[in-house]
N, C-alpha and C. Protein backbone atom coordinates (compact mmCIF):
# COMPACT_ATOMS: atom_id res chain seq x y z
N MET A 1 136.51 35.57 181.03
CA MET A 1 137.59 36.31 180.80
C MET A 1 137.03 37.30 181.77
N ALA A 2 135.54 37.61 182.01
CA ALA A 2 135.66 38.51 183.36
C ALA A 2 136.18 38.72 184.05
N LEU A 3 136.82 37.57 184.96
CA LEU A 3 137.75 37.40 185.60
C LEU A 3 139.17 38.62 185.64
N CYS A 4 139.38 38.46 184.36
CA CYS A 4 140.49 39.91 184.30
C CYS A 4 139.96 41.25 184.07
N LEU A 5 138.81 41.50 183.94
CA LEU A 5 138.56 42.59 184.50
C LEU A 5 139.66 43.78 185.40
N PRO A 6 139.51 43.08 186.57
CA PRO A 6 139.69 43.93 187.89
C PRO A 6 141.64 43.97 187.71
N MET A 7 142.23 43.28 186.36
CA MET A 7 143.59 43.06 186.54
C MET A 7 143.32 44.20 185.51
N ALA A 8 142.45 44.39 183.96
CA ALA A 8 142.73 45.45 183.51
C ALA A 8 142.28 47.08 184.06
N ALA A 9 141.51 47.07 185.01
CA ALA A 9 141.60 48.55 185.87
C ALA A 9 141.54 48.09 186.77
N PRO A 10 142.56 48.07 187.59
CA PRO A 10 142.40 48.07 189.16
C PRO A 10 141.19 48.81 190.20
N GLY A 11 140.98 48.53 190.92
CA GLY A 11 139.87 50.02 191.60
C GLY A 11 138.67 50.68 190.87
N ARG A 12 138.93 49.94 189.82
CA ARG A 12 137.38 50.56 189.18
C ARG A 12 136.14 49.58 188.57
N VAL A 13 136.52 48.36 189.00
CA VAL A 13 136.00 47.53 188.80
C VAL A 13 134.55 47.24 190.04
N VAL A 14 133.64 47.04 189.74
CA VAL A 14 132.94 46.94 191.56
C VAL A 14 132.22 45.81 191.80
N GLY A 15 132.13 45.10 191.09
CA GLY A 15 132.16 43.63 190.70
C GLY A 15 132.15 42.39 189.74
N VAL A 16 132.37 41.37 189.55
CA VAL A 16 132.05 40.45 188.53
C VAL A 16 131.18 39.65 189.11
N HIS A 17 130.46 38.90 187.75
CA HIS A 17 129.76 37.83 187.31
C HIS A 17 130.11 36.87 186.84
N VAL A 18 130.13 35.67 186.75
CA VAL A 18 130.18 34.71 186.25
C VAL A 18 129.51 33.70 186.03
N ASN A 19 129.45 32.67 185.11
CA ASN A 19 128.22 31.58 185.35
C ASN A 19 129.00 30.38 184.89
N GLY A 20 129.25 29.28 185.59
CA GLY A 20 130.08 28.26 185.74
C GLY A 20 131.14 28.05 185.83
N PRO A 21 132.41 28.94 186.09
CA PRO A 21 133.85 28.33 186.42
C PRO A 21 133.68 26.99 186.54
N SER A 22 135.01 26.36 185.83
CA SER A 22 135.18 25.03 186.26
C SER A 22 136.89 25.37 186.84
N PRO A 23 136.87 24.09 187.46
CA PRO A 23 138.18 23.67 188.46
C PRO A 23 138.91 23.31 188.07
N TYR A 24 140.34 24.04 187.31
CA TYR A 24 141.37 23.54 186.72
C TYR A 24 141.26 22.57 185.57
N PRO A 25 140.85 23.38 184.30
CA PRO A 25 140.89 22.52 183.36
C PRO A 25 141.68 21.83 182.82
N PHE A 26 142.82 22.16 183.45
CA PHE A 26 144.22 21.29 182.30
C PHE A 26 144.98 20.71 183.92
N GLY A 27 144.57 20.49 185.17
CA GLY A 27 144.76 19.81 185.59
C GLY A 27 144.52 18.30 185.92
N GLY A 28 144.66 17.86 186.94
CA GLY A 28 144.43 16.36 187.07
C GLY A 28 143.28 16.41 187.19
N PRO A 29 142.06 14.90 187.03
CA PRO A 29 141.02 14.61 187.81
C PRO A 29 140.38 15.27 189.28
N VAL A 30 139.13 15.46 189.01
CA VAL A 30 138.78 15.88 190.42
C VAL A 30 138.40 14.55 190.93
N GLY A 31 139.14 14.90 192.40
CA GLY A 31 138.80 13.73 193.36
C GLY A 31 137.31 13.67 193.62
N LEU A 32 136.46 12.16 193.88
CA LEU A 32 134.87 11.93 193.97
C LEU A 32 134.70 11.86 195.81
N ASP A 33 136.03 11.48 196.22
CA ASP A 33 135.60 11.46 197.61
C ASP A 33 134.88 12.67 198.50
N GLY A 34 134.22 12.27 199.20
CA GLY A 34 133.58 13.33 200.09
C GLY A 34 132.15 13.88 198.91
N LEU A 35 132.73 13.64 197.84
CA LEU A 35 131.02 14.44 197.11
C LEU A 35 129.96 13.82 197.01
N GLU A 36 128.64 14.30 197.31
CA GLU A 36 127.62 13.41 197.11
C GLU A 36 126.57 14.54 196.16
N GLY A 37 125.54 13.83 195.75
CA GLY A 37 124.45 14.69 195.63
C GLY A 37 124.81 15.59 193.98
N ARG A 38 124.44 16.31 194.20
CA ARG A 38 124.49 17.34 192.94
C ARG A 38 125.94 17.60 192.47
N ASP A 39 126.65 17.76 193.51
CA ASP A 39 128.21 17.58 193.12
C ASP A 39 128.98 16.51 192.99
N LEU A 40 128.65 15.38 193.42
CA LEU A 40 129.57 14.27 192.48
C LEU A 40 128.59 14.32 191.53
N ASP A 41 127.71 14.51 191.17
CA ASP A 41 127.58 14.27 189.21
C ASP A 41 127.99 15.57 188.54
N ARG A 42 128.24 16.65 189.25
CA ARG A 42 129.00 17.32 188.42
C ARG A 42 130.56 17.49 188.72
N ALA A 43 131.08 16.58 189.51
CA ALA A 43 132.57 16.24 189.20
C ALA A 43 132.83 14.94 188.33
N LYS A 44 132.08 14.25 187.98
CA LYS A 44 131.99 12.95 187.29
C LYS A 44 131.73 13.92 186.17
N ARG A 45 130.83 14.91 185.38
CA ARG A 45 130.81 15.72 184.05
C ARG A 45 132.03 16.06 183.99
N PHE A 46 132.76 17.00 184.94
CA PHE A 46 133.91 17.44 184.63
C PHE A 46 135.06 16.57 184.34
N ASN A 47 135.09 15.14 184.93
CA ASN A 47 136.23 14.73 184.51
C ASN A 47 135.82 13.95 183.33
N ALA A 48 134.64 13.33 182.68
CA ALA A 48 134.57 13.12 181.43
C ALA A 48 134.55 14.23 180.45
N PHE A 49 134.76 15.53 180.52
CA PHE A 49 134.76 16.54 179.85
C PHE A 49 136.18 16.92 179.88
N GLN A 50 136.94 16.91 180.79
CA GLN A 50 138.59 17.04 180.89
C GLN A 50 139.42 15.73 179.98
N ALA A 51 138.78 14.61 179.64
CA ALA A 51 139.24 13.51 179.76
C ALA A 51 138.46 13.57 177.82
N GLU A 52 137.94 14.04 177.65
CA GLU A 52 137.15 13.76 176.54
C GLU A 52 136.78 14.96 175.55
N GLY A 53 137.03 16.64 175.84
CA GLY A 53 135.78 17.31 175.90
C GLY A 53 136.91 18.81 175.45
N LEU A 54 138.14 18.75 176.06
CA LEU A 54 138.82 19.94 176.10
C LEU A 54 139.50 20.66 174.72
N GLY A 55 139.49 19.81 173.54
CA GLY A 55 140.11 19.97 172.70
C GLY A 55 140.45 21.28 171.86
N TYR A 56 139.02 21.65 171.98
CA TYR A 56 138.87 23.22 171.60
C TYR A 56 139.36 24.11 172.54
N LEU A 57 139.43 24.01 173.81
CA LEU A 57 140.24 24.85 175.26
C LEU A 57 141.33 24.69 174.63
N HIS A 58 142.48 23.53 174.23
CA HIS A 58 143.67 23.52 174.24
C HIS A 58 144.13 24.23 173.08
N LEU A 59 143.70 24.11 171.53
CA LEU A 59 144.01 25.03 170.65
C LEU A 59 143.69 26.37 170.92
N GLN A 60 142.46 26.95 171.39
CA GLN A 60 142.21 28.69 171.67
C GLN A 60 143.29 28.60 173.12
N ALA A 61 143.71 27.64 173.66
CA ALA A 61 145.01 28.47 174.77
C ALA A 61 146.43 28.40 174.47
N THR A 62 146.60 27.79 173.40
CA THR A 62 147.76 27.20 172.77
C THR A 62 147.86 28.04 171.47
N ARG A 63 147.43 27.76 170.45
CA ARG A 63 147.34 28.37 169.25
C ARG A 63 146.16 29.17 168.61
N PRO A 64 146.04 30.25 169.27
CA PRO A 64 144.80 31.18 169.15
C PRO A 64 145.46 31.36 167.44
N GLN A 65 146.09 31.66 167.13
CA GLN A 65 146.37 32.75 165.98
C GLN A 65 145.71 31.39 164.67
N THR A 66 146.59 30.22 164.67
CA THR A 66 145.81 29.35 164.09
C THR A 66 144.77 28.81 163.93
N LEU A 67 143.76 29.26 164.84
CA LEU A 67 142.58 28.63 164.76
C LEU A 67 142.06 30.19 164.18
N GLY A 68 142.43 31.18 165.01
CA GLY A 68 141.80 32.49 164.49
C GLY A 68 141.74 32.79 162.72
N TYR A 69 142.67 31.89 161.89
CA TYR A 69 142.51 31.81 160.94
C TYR A 69 141.65 31.05 160.19
N CYS A 70 141.15 29.95 160.58
CA CYS A 70 140.42 28.57 160.34
C CYS A 70 138.81 29.80 160.69
N LEU A 71 138.77 29.90 161.35
CA LEU A 71 137.27 30.94 161.94
C LEU A 71 136.80 32.28 161.05
N THR A 72 137.80 32.70 160.52
CA THR A 72 138.15 33.97 160.04
C THR A 72 137.96 33.94 158.22
N ASP A 73 138.31 32.82 157.95
CA ASP A 73 138.57 32.79 156.75
C ASP A 73 137.39 31.69 155.71
N SER A 74 136.57 30.55 156.82
CA SER A 74 135.71 29.83 156.41
C SER A 74 134.33 29.87 157.11
N PRO A 75 133.39 30.08 156.26
CA PRO A 75 132.19 30.23 156.83
C PRO A 75 131.49 29.03 157.56
N VAL A 76 132.26 28.03 157.18
CA VAL A 76 131.43 27.01 157.35
C VAL A 76 132.51 26.58 158.59
N GLY A 77 133.47 26.48 158.79
CA GLY A 77 134.70 26.61 160.03
C GLY A 77 133.95 26.84 160.99
N GLN A 78 133.00 28.32 160.94
CA GLN A 78 132.84 29.13 161.64
C GLN A 78 131.69 28.52 162.26
N LEU A 79 130.74 28.29 161.78
CA LEU A 79 129.76 27.19 162.09
C LEU A 79 129.94 26.25 162.38
N ALA A 80 130.91 25.46 161.97
CA ALA A 80 130.90 23.78 162.64
C ALA A 80 131.40 24.28 164.20
N TRP A 81 132.84 25.29 164.02
CA TRP A 81 132.97 25.69 165.59
C TRP A 81 131.97 25.93 166.30
N ILE A 82 131.24 26.38 166.67
CA ILE A 82 130.12 27.40 166.92
C ILE A 82 128.82 26.44 167.32
N ALA A 83 128.14 25.38 165.58
CA ALA A 83 127.26 24.46 166.08
C ALA A 83 127.56 23.32 167.70
N GLU A 84 128.78 23.06 166.95
CA GLU A 84 129.23 21.83 167.87
C GLU A 84 129.10 22.23 169.51
N LYS A 85 129.80 23.38 170.16
CA LYS A 85 129.66 23.79 171.06
C LYS A 85 127.94 24.42 171.69
N PHE A 86 127.16 24.27 170.69
CA PHE A 86 125.90 24.72 171.10
C PHE A 86 125.46 23.08 171.27
N ALA A 87 125.36 21.93 170.47
CA ALA A 87 125.28 21.16 170.80
C ALA A 87 125.24 20.77 171.74
N GLU A 88 126.92 20.77 172.44
CA GLU A 88 127.32 19.61 173.60
C GLU A 88 127.44 20.31 174.63
N TRP A 89 126.73 21.63 174.32
CA TRP A 89 127.22 22.60 176.07
C TRP A 89 125.53 22.89 175.99
N ALA A 90 124.74 22.95 175.24
CA ALA A 90 123.24 23.98 175.98
C ALA A 90 123.07 22.43 176.52
N GLU A 91 121.50 23.16 177.56
CA GLU A 91 120.79 22.05 177.76
C GLU A 91 119.81 21.65 177.04
N GLN A 92 119.13 21.93 176.10
CA GLN A 92 118.22 22.29 175.46
C GLN A 92 118.51 22.32 173.39
N PRO A 93 117.99 21.90 173.01
CA PRO A 93 118.51 22.25 171.89
C PRO A 93 118.07 23.62 171.21
N VAL A 94 119.25 24.61 170.87
CA VAL A 94 119.07 25.58 170.09
C VAL A 94 118.01 25.99 169.10
N ASP A 95 117.23 27.08 169.02
CA ASP A 95 116.50 27.38 167.78
C ASP A 95 117.24 27.57 166.53
N ARG A 96 117.38 26.86 165.45
CA ARG A 96 118.42 27.04 164.72
C ARG A 96 118.49 29.01 163.89
N ASP A 97 117.24 29.71 164.07
CA ASP A 97 117.62 30.83 163.82
C ASP A 97 118.52 32.14 165.03
N ARG A 98 118.36 31.67 165.84
CA ARG A 98 119.47 32.16 166.83
C ARG A 98 120.44 31.41 166.80
N LEU A 99 120.44 30.11 166.67
CA LEU A 99 122.13 29.56 165.87
C LEU A 99 122.63 30.30 164.70
N LEU A 100 122.21 30.47 164.29
CA LEU A 100 122.72 31.07 162.96
C LEU A 100 122.90 33.01 162.92
N ALA A 101 121.99 32.80 163.80
CA ALA A 101 122.24 34.39 164.31
C ALA A 101 123.44 34.61 165.14
N ASN A 102 123.92 34.04 165.84
CA ASN A 102 125.12 34.00 167.00
C ASN A 102 126.21 33.57 165.74
N VAL A 103 126.23 32.59 165.14
CA VAL A 103 127.34 32.16 164.22
C VAL A 103 127.82 33.89 163.26
N SER A 104 126.47 34.24 162.45
CA SER A 104 126.78 35.67 161.95
C SER A 104 127.17 36.36 162.21
N LEU A 105 126.78 36.83 163.73
CA LEU A 105 127.41 37.58 164.16
C LEU A 105 129.36 37.92 164.31
N TYR A 106 129.73 36.49 164.67
CA TYR A 106 131.13 36.06 164.74
C TYR A 106 131.58 36.36 162.97
N TRP A 107 131.24 35.64 162.15
CA TRP A 107 131.11 35.66 161.03
C TRP A 107 131.15 37.00 160.41
N PHE A 108 130.22 38.17 160.08
CA PHE A 108 130.33 39.15 159.68
C PHE A 108 131.42 40.20 160.30
N THR A 109 131.59 40.03 161.86
CA THR A 109 132.72 41.17 162.56
C THR A 109 133.91 40.56 162.51
N ARG A 110 134.13 39.37 161.49
CA ARG A 110 135.26 38.71 161.81
C ARG A 110 135.78 38.55 163.27
N SER A 111 135.42 38.04 164.37
CA SER A 111 135.63 38.45 165.84
C SER A 111 136.23 36.75 166.25
N GLY A 112 136.14 35.61 165.29
CA GLY A 112 136.15 34.25 165.51
C GLY A 112 138.10 34.47 166.01
N ALA A 113 138.94 34.91 165.37
CA ALA A 113 139.97 34.98 165.44
C ALA A 113 140.17 36.06 167.59
N SER A 114 139.66 37.21 167.47
CA SER A 114 139.78 37.87 169.28
C SER A 114 139.08 37.02 169.73
N SER A 115 138.39 35.80 169.74
CA SER A 115 137.82 35.93 170.74
C SER A 115 138.74 34.20 170.97
N ALA A 116 139.24 33.94 170.07
CA ALA A 116 140.57 33.01 170.56
C ALA A 116 141.23 33.60 171.11
N HIS A 117 141.29 34.86 171.22
CA HIS A 117 142.77 34.84 171.96
C HIS A 117 142.28 35.58 173.04
N ALA A 118 141.17 35.90 173.43
CA ALA A 118 140.74 36.28 174.15
C ALA A 118 140.49 35.12 175.15
N VAL A 119 140.38 33.96 174.92
CA VAL A 119 140.49 33.10 175.74
C VAL A 119 142.04 32.61 176.02
N TYR A 120 142.88 32.45 175.26
CA TYR A 120 144.33 32.56 175.68
C TYR A 120 144.38 33.38 176.41
N GLU A 121 144.33 34.57 176.60
CA GLU A 121 145.01 35.86 177.47
C GLU A 121 144.14 35.61 178.74
N GLY A 122 143.17 34.96 178.91
CA GLY A 122 142.60 34.50 179.96
C GLY A 122 143.34 33.47 180.63
N MET A 123 143.40 32.31 179.84
CA MET A 123 143.83 31.08 180.93
C MET A 123 145.54 31.83 181.04
N ARG A 124 145.85 32.85 180.35
CA ARG A 124 147.07 32.75 181.15
C ARG A 124 147.36 34.34 182.07
N ALA A 125 145.90 34.91 182.02
CA ALA A 125 145.73 35.22 183.72
C ALA A 125 145.26 34.91 184.75
N TYR A 126 144.41 33.90 184.26
CA TYR A 126 143.93 32.59 185.23
C TYR A 126 145.41 32.12 185.99
N ALA A 127 146.09 31.63 185.29
CA ALA A 127 147.39 31.27 185.67
C ALA A 127 148.14 31.93 186.91
N ARG A 128 148.28 32.99 186.07
CA ARG A 128 149.03 34.21 186.68
C ARG A 128 148.07 34.13 188.41
N MET A 129 147.04 34.93 188.30
CA MET A 129 145.90 35.23 189.35
C MET A 129 145.84 34.50 190.57
N SER A 130 145.63 32.61 189.84
CA SER A 130 145.26 32.28 190.82
C SER A 130 146.13 30.89 191.32
N GLY A 131 147.14 30.66 190.47
CA GLY A 131 148.20 29.54 190.51
C GLY A 131 147.13 28.46 190.53
N GLY A 132 146.01 28.22 190.42
CA GLY A 132 145.36 27.26 190.71
C GLY A 132 144.10 27.15 192.25
N GLU A 133 145.22 27.38 193.10
CA GLU A 133 144.80 27.45 194.68
C GLU A 133 144.36 28.75 195.26
N GLN A 134 144.72 29.68 195.01
CA GLN A 134 145.09 31.04 195.75
C GLN A 134 143.10 31.63 195.56
N ALA A 135 142.42 32.26 197.00
CA ALA A 135 141.90 32.92 196.75
C ALA A 135 141.40 34.00 195.92
N TRP A 136 140.94 34.08 195.54
CA TRP A 136 140.30 35.57 194.82
C TRP A 136 140.48 36.78 195.55
N GLN A 137 141.32 37.67 194.85
CA GLN A 137 141.51 38.90 195.58
C GLN A 137 141.17 39.88 194.79
N GLY A 138 140.27 39.83 194.02
CA GLY A 138 139.63 40.98 193.41
C GLY A 138 138.29 41.43 194.01
N PRO A 139 137.92 42.41 193.43
CA PRO A 139 136.56 43.18 193.65
C PRO A 139 135.42 41.89 194.25
N PRO A 140 134.06 42.09 194.80
CA PRO A 140 132.93 41.34 195.15
C PRO A 140 132.96 40.33 194.17
N LEU A 141 132.65 39.20 194.29
CA LEU A 141 132.34 38.56 192.96
C LEU A 141 131.34 36.97 193.04
N GLY A 142 130.64 37.35 191.88
CA GLY A 142 129.42 36.38 191.93
C GLY A 142 129.23 35.63 190.83
N VAL A 143 128.90 34.34 191.45
CA VAL A 143 128.70 33.17 190.43
C VAL A 143 127.25 32.31 190.43
N ALA A 144 127.10 32.37 188.96
CA ALA A 144 125.82 31.32 189.19
C ALA A 144 126.42 30.35 188.34
N VAL A 145 125.58 28.91 188.65
CA VAL A 145 125.73 27.76 188.42
C VAL A 145 124.91 27.31 188.00
N PHE A 146 124.31 26.87 186.85
CA PHE A 146 123.30 26.15 185.99
C PHE A 146 123.76 24.90 185.83
N ALA A 147 122.46 24.17 185.58
CA ALA A 147 122.25 22.65 185.40
C ALA A 147 122.99 21.94 185.01
N GLY A 148 123.25 22.76 183.45
CA GLY A 148 124.63 21.69 182.54
C GLY A 148 125.89 22.51 182.55
N ASP A 149 126.71 22.88 184.49
CA ASP A 149 127.36 23.06 184.39
C ASP A 149 127.93 22.33 185.21
N HIS A 150 129.48 21.81 185.08
CA HIS A 150 130.20 21.17 186.16
C HIS A 150 131.12 21.91 187.20
N SER A 151 130.84 22.91 187.71
CA SER A 151 131.02 23.60 188.98
C SER A 151 131.30 23.34 190.05
N VAL A 152 132.19 22.70 191.04
CA VAL A 152 131.97 22.29 192.28
C VAL A 152 132.19 23.43 193.08
N ARG A 153 131.68 24.32 194.25
CA ARG A 153 131.95 25.23 195.04
C ARG A 153 132.99 25.06 195.72
N ARG A 154 133.07 24.21 196.08
CA ARG A 154 134.72 23.60 197.30
C ARG A 154 135.90 23.38 196.21
N LEU A 155 135.69 22.92 194.69
CA LEU A 155 136.94 22.97 194.45
C LEU A 155 137.08 24.22 193.24
N VAL A 156 135.83 25.17 193.43
CA VAL A 156 135.86 26.32 192.82
C VAL A 156 136.75 27.60 193.86
N ASP A 157 135.94 27.69 195.05
CA ASP A 157 136.33 28.33 195.80
C ASP A 157 136.85 27.68 197.07
N PRO A 158 138.28 27.03 197.19
CA PRO A 158 138.56 26.59 198.31
C PRO A 158 138.57 27.17 199.70
N ALA A 159 138.97 28.35 199.54
CA ALA A 159 139.21 29.29 200.52
C ALA A 159 138.20 30.23 200.90
N GLY A 160 136.94 29.63 200.30
CA GLY A 160 135.48 30.04 200.85
C GLY A 160 135.22 31.85 200.46
N ALA A 161 136.02 32.43 199.12
CA ALA A 161 135.93 33.95 198.96
C ALA A 161 134.81 34.56 198.03
N ILE A 162 134.20 33.83 197.42
CA ILE A 162 133.02 33.93 196.64
C ILE A 162 131.92 34.60 197.56
N GLY A 163 131.45 35.53 197.42
CA GLY A 163 130.53 35.98 198.33
C GLY A 163 128.93 36.09 197.77
N HIS A 164 128.86 35.34 196.71
CA HIS A 164 127.14 34.84 196.00
C HIS A 164 127.30 33.90 194.99
N TRP A 165 127.01 33.08 195.36
CA TRP A 165 127.06 31.54 194.97
C TRP A 165 125.46 31.21 194.62
N SER A 166 125.24 31.22 193.53
CA SER A 166 124.21 30.84 193.25
C SER A 166 123.77 29.37 192.47
N GLU A 167 122.62 28.66 192.44
CA GLU A 167 122.90 26.73 191.82
C GLU A 167 121.43 27.25 191.31
N PHE A 168 121.01 26.76 189.46
CA PHE A 168 119.65 26.78 189.22
C PHE A 168 119.63 25.55 188.76
N ASP A 169 118.52 24.96 189.00
CA ASP A 169 118.17 23.46 188.27
C ASP A 169 118.14 23.52 186.58
N ARG A 170 117.89 24.34 186.05
CA ARG A 170 117.54 24.72 184.72
C ARG A 170 119.03 25.58 184.01
N GLY A 171 119.12 25.11 182.86
CA GLY A 171 119.75 25.96 181.78
C GLY A 171 121.24 25.37 181.92
N GLY A 172 122.24 25.79 180.79
CA GLY A 172 123.12 24.80 180.43
C GLY A 172 124.19 25.80 180.00
N HIS A 173 125.35 25.69 179.33
CA HIS A 173 126.42 26.79 179.48
C HIS A 173 126.13 28.21 178.70
N PHE A 174 124.79 28.26 177.87
CA PHE A 174 124.71 29.39 177.66
C PHE A 174 122.96 29.94 178.19
N PRO A 175 123.55 30.22 179.50
CA PRO A 175 122.51 31.09 180.38
C PRO A 175 121.70 32.19 179.65
N ALA A 176 122.32 33.19 178.80
CA ALA A 176 121.56 34.24 178.43
C ALA A 176 121.26 34.09 177.30
N LEU A 177 121.25 32.80 176.46
CA LEU A 177 120.32 32.36 175.44
C LEU A 177 119.02 31.31 175.93
N GLU A 178 119.79 30.85 176.91
CA GLU A 178 118.66 29.26 177.37
C GLU A 178 117.85 29.93 178.40
N VAL A 179 118.13 30.30 179.52
CA VAL A 179 117.41 31.17 180.65
C VAL A 179 117.64 32.29 180.94
N PRO A 180 117.17 33.25 180.16
CA PRO A 180 117.87 34.53 180.31
C PRO A 180 117.28 35.32 181.57
N GLY A 181 115.87 34.81 181.95
CA GLY A 181 115.39 35.42 183.34
C GLY A 181 116.09 34.91 184.61
N LEU A 182 116.09 33.73 184.46
CA LEU A 182 117.40 33.33 185.83
C LEU A 182 118.59 34.11 186.15
N LEU A 183 119.15 34.30 184.65
CA LEU A 183 120.76 34.75 184.05
C LEU A 183 120.68 36.55 185.19
N ALA A 184 119.37 37.12 184.37
CA ALA A 184 119.45 38.48 184.79
C ALA A 184 119.39 38.68 186.33
N GLY A 185 117.81 37.29 186.84
CA GLY A 185 117.78 37.82 188.11
C GLY A 185 118.92 37.89 189.35
N ASP A 186 119.80 36.71 188.92
CA ASP A 186 120.80 36.35 189.60
C ASP A 186 121.81 37.90 189.90
N ILE A 187 122.23 38.44 187.93
CA ILE A 187 123.07 39.42 188.21
C ILE A 187 122.51 40.84 188.82
N ARG A 188 120.68 40.52 188.93
CA ARG A 188 120.46 41.86 189.75
C ARG A 188 120.40 41.91 190.98
N ARG A 189 120.16 40.57 191.91
CA ARG A 189 120.16 40.37 193.38
C ARG A 189 121.65 40.19 193.45
N PHE A 190 123.00 40.26 192.82
CA PHE A 190 124.20 39.83 192.96
C PHE A 190 124.22 41.49 193.14
N PHE A 191 124.33 42.39 192.04
CA PHE A 191 124.96 43.89 191.97
C PHE A 191 123.91 44.69 192.77
N ALA A 192 122.93 44.53 193.45
CA ALA A 192 121.76 44.85 194.08
C ALA A 192 122.50 45.10 195.51
N ARG A 193 123.58 43.90 195.85
CA ARG A 193 124.36 44.06 197.42
C ARG A 193 125.38 45.39 197.38
């Protein structure tokens, strides 16, 4: 949702740093022709994820309020929703205390619904912003791709507009939790320019 910041405050955002952007989650599968090595592995993981792992995103992108009621009304629902994502997307198992602290933050602040709506709004903004193919038009953009991600640069950035692209051989979808030093170092390098 960080990509929405420049639209909310045009001219006031000096840069945007994101991790693990995926190409067109609701489009077709990624073509594998011409890809090799790490990019081929990532594209295959993306295709598998797209075929079997996007249920959560479809819910958040189309029915955020219905999901929001479930996440706000049931502590077991909130726990199951987050625990499933940590189990599937973290490179290494997440410590139980950290998992429960994360779930507690959502539960006690009742922010499950607002997080579902953030994805809903973000998907709509992404569709308006890019149409899936257009080059990034905002402030400088930095991207960090961790081992568990499935981002292929030529698919995420076909126009070559991303000025800062870093790839790491460790970390999963939650780098701030899994490899905070790598993420913080990359953010520092990006904003130092």
